[in-house]
Amino acid sequence: MLRWLIAILFLANMLAFVAVRGVFGPTPTAGGREPNHLNRQVHQEWLKVQPVTAAEAADQAVVGGPAPVAPIAASALSQ
């Protein structure tokens, strides 16, 4: 039983290796499928860097700082 499992896994690995090497044709990621892909790239000359205002910075997490305390009101439960 184990011999058959090993043989099947070996054949599956060989088939995957052959498929990756391109025996069955080019892989789908080989190119040519998205001709307009380069036209949709972000152009660096279009980007504008703007400083973050204090109002926008209030929503940003401080890296390395303590976690903000949530404004939650708590009270003791009566039994």
C-alpha atoms as a PDB file:
ATOM      1  CA  MET A   1       0.000   0.000   0.000  1.00  0.00           C
ATOM      2  CA  LEU A   2       2.761   2.423   0.955  1.00  0.00           C
ATOM      3  CA  ARG A   3       4.726   1.605  -2.213  1.00  0.00           C
ATOM      4  CA  TRP A   4       1.785   2.692  -4.354  1.00  0.00           C
ATOM      5  CA  LEU A   5       1.396   5.917  -2.448  1.00  0.00           C
ATOM      6  CA  ILE A   6       5.080   6.713  -2.862  1.00  0.00           C
ATOM      7  CA  ALA A   7       4.922   5.848  -6.575  1.00  0.00           C
ATOM      8  CA  ILE A   8       1.870   8.077  -7.109  1.00  0.00           C
ATOM      9  CA  LEU A   9       3.475  10.976  -5.235  1.00  0.00           C
ATOM     10  CA  PHE A  10       6.670  10.554  -7.246  1.00  0.00           C
ATOM     11  CA  LEU A  11       4.738  10.614 -10.518  1.00  0.00           C
ATOM     12  CA  ALA A  12       2.772  13.679  -9.383  1.00  0.00           C
ATOM     13  CA  ASN A  13       6.021  15.476  -8.532  1.00  0.00           C
ATOM     14  CA  MET A  14       7.523  14.560 -11.896  1.00  0.00           C
ATOM     15  CA  LEU A  15       4.390  15.790 -13.685  1.00  0.00           C
ATOM     16  CA  ALA A  16       4.499  19.086 -11.761  1.00  0.00           C
ATOM     17  CA  PHE A  17       8.202  19.499 -12.545  1.00  0.00           C
ATOM     18  CA  VAL A  18       7.633  18.868 -16.253  1.00  0.00           C
ATOM     19  CA  ALA A  19       4.687  21.293 -16.298  1.00  0.00           C
ATOM     20  CA  VAL A  20       6.734  24.037 -14.637  1.00  0.00           C
ATOM     21  CA  ARG A  21       9.567  23.536 -17.126  1.00  0.00           C
ATOM     22  CA  GLY A  22       7.148  24.365 -19.962  1.00  0.00           C
ATOM     23  CA  VAL A  23       6.713  21.014 -21.712  1.00  0.00           C
ATOM     24  CA  PHE A  24       2.949  21.541 -22.010  1.00  0.00           C
ATOM     25  CA  GLY A  25       3.330  25.106 -23.251  1.00  0.00           C
ATOM     26  CA  PRO A  26       3.974  28.445 -21.591  1.00  0.00           C
ATOM     27  CA  THR A  27       2.560  29.088 -18.172  1.00  0.00           C
ATOM     28  CA  PRO A  28      -0.363  31.540 -17.922  1.00  0.00           C
ATOM     29  CA  THR A  29       1.914  34.070 -16.223  1.00  0.00           C
ATOM     30  CA  ALA A  30       4.412  33.967 -19.086  1.00  0.00           C
ATOM     31  CA  GLY A  31       3.011  37.216 -20.500  1.00  0.00           C
ATOM     32  CA  GLY A  32       0.911  38.482 -23.359  1.00  0.00           C
ATOM     33  CA  ARG A  33      -2.413  38.188 -21.555  1.00  0.00           C
ATOM     34  CA  GLU A  34      -2.667  41.787 -20.349  1.00  0.00           C
ATOM     35  CA  PRO A  35      -1.417  44.098 -23.080  1.00  0.00           C
ATOM     36  CA  ASN A  36      -2.792  47.200 -21.339  1.00  0.00           C
ATOM     37  CA  HIS A  37      -1.137  46.369 -18.032  1.00  0.00           C
ATOM     38  CA  LEU A  38       1.811  48.685 -18.623  1.00  0.00           C
ATOM     39  CA  ASN A  39      -0.515  51.516 -19.629  1.00  0.00           C
ATOM     40  CA  ARG A  40      -2.253  51.331 -16.254  1.00  0.00           C
ATOM     41  CA  GLN A  41       0.937  51.690 -14.215  1.00  0.00           C
ATOM     42  CA  VAL A  42       1.235  54.611 -11.822  1.00  0.00           C
ATOM     43  CA  HIS A  43       3.450  57.328 -13.263  1.00  0.00           C
ATOM     44  CA  GLN A  44       5.785  58.846 -10.743  1.00  0.00           C
ATOM     45  CA  GLU A  45       5.491  62.311 -12.246  1.00  0.00           C
ATOM     46  CA  TRP A  46       1.757  62.267 -11.457  1.00  0.00           C
ATOM     47  CA  LEU A  47       2.293  61.656  -7.741  1.00  0.00           C
ATOM     48  CA  LYS A  48       2.309  64.548  -5.314  1.00  0.00           C
ATOM     49  CA  VAL A  49       3.659  64.331  -1.769  1.00  0.00           C
ATOM     50  CA  GLN A  50       1.639  66.247   0.799  1.00  0.00           C
ATOM     51  CA  PRO A  51       2.387  66.605   4.494  1.00  0.00           C
ATOM     52  CA  VAL A  52      -0.047  65.033   6.925  1.00  0.00           C
ATOM     53  CA  THR A  53      -2.064  67.561   8.896  1.00  0.00           C
ATOM     54  CA  ALA A  54      -2.666  67.218  12.627  1.00  0.00           C
ATOM     55  CA  ALA A  55      -6.303  66.227  12.034  1.00  0.00           C
ATOM     56  CA  GLU A  56      -5.269  63.442   9.661  1.00  0.00           C
ATOM     57  CA  ALA A  57      -2.482  62.297  11.978  1.00  0.00           C
ATOM     58  CA  ALA A  58      -4.951  61.727  14.843  1.00  0.00           C
ATOM     59  CA  ASP A  59      -6.278  58.605  13.105  1.00  0.00           C
ATOM     60  CA  GLN A  60      -2.824  57.146  12.467  1.00  0.00           C
ATOM     61  CA  ALA A  61      -1.310  54.610  14.833  1.00  0.00           C
ATOM     62  CA  VAL A  62       2.017  55.491  16.409  1.00  0.00           C
ATOM     63  CA  VAL A  63       4.517  52.785  15.609  1.00  0.00           C
ATOM     64  CA  GLY A  64       6.291  51.599  18.724  1.00  0.00           C
ATOM     65  CA  GLY A  65       4.052  53.614  21.015  1.00  0.00           C
ATOM     66  CA  PRO A  66       1.495  52.349  23.483  1.00  0.00           C
ATOM     67  CA  ALA A  67      -1.883  51.237  22.231  1.00  0.00           C
ATOM     68  CA  PRO A  68      -4.548  53.943  22.504  1.00  0.00           C
ATOM     69  CA  VAL A  69      -7.019  53.564  25.338  1.00  0.00           C
ATOM     70  CA  ALA A  70     -10.581  53.051  24.162  1.00  0.00           C
ATOM     71  CA  PRO A  71     -13.103  55.507  25.673  1.00  0.00           C
ATOM     72  CA  ILE A  72     -15.299  52.877  27.366  1.00  0.00           C
ATOM     73  CA  ALA A  73     -17.288  53.534  30.517  1.00  0.00           C
ATOM     74  CA  ALA A  74     -17.495  50.595  32.900  1.00  0.00           C
ATOM     75  CA  SER A  75     -19.603  50.029  35.960  1.00  0.00           C
ATOM     76  CA  ALA A  76     -20.041  47.218  38.455  1.00  0.00           C
ATOM     77  CA  LEU A  77     -22.785  44.691  37.738  1.00  0.00           C
ATOM     78  CA  SER A  78     -25.437  44.112  40.374  1.00  0.00           C
ATOM     79  CA  GLN A  79     -26.289  40.517  41.206  1.00  0.00           C
END
